[in-house]
C-alpha atoms as a PDB file:
ATOM      1  CA  UNK A   1     -22.138-167.884-150.662  1.00  0.00           C
ATOM      2  CA  UNK A   2     -20.367-166.813-147.484  1.00  0.00           C
ATOM      3  CA  UNK A   3     -20.320-169.372-144.686  1.00  0.00           C
ATOM      4  CA  UNK A   4     -20.766-167.940-141.194  1.00  0.00           C
ATOM      5  CA  UNK A   5     -18.534-169.318-138.488  1.00  0.00           C
ATOM      6  CA  UNK A   6     -20.333-170.218-135.312  1.00  0.00           C
ATOM      7  CA  UNK A   7     -18.723-170.580-131.922  1.00  0.00           C
ATOM      8  CA  UNK A   8     -19.979-172.964-129.262  1.00  0.00           C
ATOM      9  CA  UNK A   9     -20.443-171.539-125.770  1.00  0.00           C
ATOM     10  CA  UNK A  10     -20.946-173.661-122.661  1.00  0.00           C
ATOM     11  CA  UNK A  11     -22.544-172.490-119.417  1.00  0.00           C
ATOM     12  CA  UNK A  12     -23.528-174.115-116.150  1.00  0.00           C
ATOM     13  CA  UNK A  13     -27.270-174.042-115.468  1.00  0.00           C
ATOM     14  CA  UNK A  14     -28.792-174.686-112.033  1.00  0.00           C
ATOM     15  CA  UNK A  15     -32.155-176.474-112.042  1.00  0.00           C
ATOM     16  CA  UNK A  16     -34.319-176.309-108.924  1.00  0.00           C
ATOM     17  CA  UNK A  17     -37.774-177.800-108.419  1.00  0.00           C
ATOM     18  CA  UNK A  18     -40.031-175.009-107.183  1.00  0.00           C
ATOM     19  CA  UNK A  19     -43.292-174.765-105.216  1.00  0.00           C
ATOM     20  CA  UNK A  20     -45.332-175.266-108.426  1.00  0.00           C
ATOM     21  CA  UNK A  21     -43.612-178.642-108.982  1.00  0.00           C
ATOM     22  CA  UNK A  22     -41.907-177.215-112.084  1.00  0.00           C
ATOM     23  CA  UNK A  23     -38.243-176.299-112.509  1.00  0.00           C
ATOM     24  CA  UNK A  24     -36.727-172.839-112.217  1.00  0.00           C
ATOM     25  CA  UNK A  25     -33.372-172.473-113.953  1.00  0.00           C
ATOM     26  CA  UNK A  26     -30.648-169.841-113.531  1.00  0.00           C
ATOM     27  CA  UNK A  27     -27.365-169.476-115.395  1.00  0.00           C
ATOM     28  CA  UNK A  28     -24.929-167.783-112.975  1.00  0.00           C
ATOM     29  CA  UNK A  29     -22.539-166.567-115.681  1.00  0.00           C
ATOM     30  CA  UNK A  30     -25.358-164.758-117.531  1.00  0.00           C
ATOM     31  CA  UNK A  31     -26.789-162.199-115.069  1.00  0.00           C
ATOM     32  CA  UNK A  32     -30.566-161.999-115.091  1.00  0.00           C
ATOM     33  CA  UNK A  33     -31.096-165.148-117.128  1.00  0.00           C
ATOM     34  CA  UNK A  34     -33.851-167.147-115.453  1.00  0.00           C
ATOM     35  CA  UNK A  35     -36.339-169.483-117.066  1.00  0.00           C
ATOM     36  CA  UNK A  36     -38.724-172.261-116.118  1.00  0.00           C
ATOM     37  CA  UNK A  37     -39.953-175.603-117.453  1.00  0.00           C
ATOM     38  CA  UNK A  38     -42.706-178.044-116.533  1.00  0.00           C
ATOM     39  CA  UNK A  39     -40.168-180.894-116.212  1.00  0.00           C
ATOM     40  CA  UNK A  40     -36.394-181.313-116.582  1.00  0.00           C
ATOM     41  CA  UNK A  41     -36.567-181.956-120.325  1.00  0.00           C
ATOM     42  CA  UNK A  42     -38.738-178.880-120.904  1.00  0.00           C
ATOM     43  CA  UNK A  43     -36.590-176.776-118.557  1.00  0.00           C
ATOM     44  CA  UNK A  44     -33.452-177.795-120.451  1.00  0.00           C
ATOM     45  CA  UNK A  45     -34.974-176.855-123.815  1.00  0.00           C
ATOM     46  CA  UNK A  46     -36.214-173.534-122.416  1.00  0.00           C
ATOM     47  CA  UNK A  47     -32.758-172.834-120.965  1.00  0.00           C
ATOM     48  CA  UNK A  48     -30.943-173.578-124.227  1.00  0.00           C
ATOM     49  CA  UNK A  49     -33.329-171.239-126.060  1.00  0.00           C
ATOM     50  CA  UNK A  50     -32.936-168.539-123.389  1.00  0.00           C
ATOM     51  CA  UNK A  51     -29.127-168.734-123.541  1.00  0.00           C
ATOM     52  CA  UNK A  52     -29.157-168.479-127.331  1.00  0.00           C
ATOM     53  CA  UNK A  53     -31.465-165.427-127.229  1.00  0.00           C
ATOM     54  CA  UNK A  54     -29.358-163.835-124.480  1.00  0.00           C
ATOM     55  CA  UNK A  55     -26.113-164.272-126.442  1.00  0.00           C
ATOM     56  CA  UNK A  56     -27.668-163.134-129.732  1.00  0.00           C
ATOM     57  CA  UNK A  57     -28.888-159.993-127.948  1.00  0.00           C
ATOM     58  CA  UNK A  58     -25.395-159.279-126.648  1.00  0.00           C
ATOM     59  CA  UNK A  59     -23.916-159.867-130.098  1.00  0.00           C
ATOM     60  CA  UNK A  60     -26.465-157.570-131.744  1.00  0.00           C
ATOM     61  CA  UNK A  61     -25.698-154.870-129.161  1.00  0.00           C
ATOM     62  CA  UNK A  62     -21.976-155.443-129.827  1.00  0.00           C
ATOM     63  CA  UNK A  63     -21.401-156.310-126.179  1.00  0.00           C
ATOM     64  CA  UNK A  64     -18.893-158.837-124.911  1.00  0.00           C
ATOM     65  CA  UNK A  65     -20.159-162.400-124.539  1.00  0.00           C
ATOM     66  CA  UNK A  66     -19.302-163.649-121.026  1.00  0.00           C
ATOM     67  CA  UNK A  67     -17.005-166.631-120.661  1.00  0.00           C
ATOM     68  CA  UNK A  68     -17.785-168.938-117.790  1.00  0.00           C
ATOM     69  CA  UNK A  69     -15.174-169.169-115.066  1.00  0.00           C
ATOM     70  CA  UNK A  70     -14.845-171.925-112.495  1.00  0.00           C
ATOM     71  CA  UNK A  71     -18.200-172.715-110.942  1.00  0.00           C
ATOM     72  CA  UNK A  72     -18.614-174.855-107.838  1.00  0.00           C
ATOM     73  CA  UNK A  73     -21.851-176.427-106.710  1.00  0.00           C
ATOM     74  CA  UNK A  74     -21.832-177.400-103.041  1.00  0.00           C
ATOM     75  CA  UNK A  75     -24.474-178.578-100.597  1.00  0.00           C
ATOM     76  CA  UNK A  76     -23.803-177.024 -97.200  1.00  0.00           C
ATOM     77  CA  UNK A  77     -25.268-177.911 -93.803  1.00  0.00           C
ATOM     78  CA  UNK A  78     -25.603-175.508 -90.904  1.00  0.00           C
ATOM     79  CA  UNK A  79     -26.850-175.966 -87.348  1.00  0.00           C
ATOM     80  CA  UNK A  80     -29.344-173.535 -85.894  1.00  0.00           C
END
């Protein structure tokens, strides 16, 4: 039996509480990947599943799997 080698990919996900009091999640390194969860635990599980489906789709289409580059998360203040 042939053993398949699996590679582990890591991506930054941004979780934001939305107007429905649930969490919307985006993964900047995977364009178009957005998901939602009723709480942080659910949002994390939904995001992991979404990333796996996204990458499997790229692999099936024989497209390059994006590697994450440096990501910075900053809170900025502006005066108006």
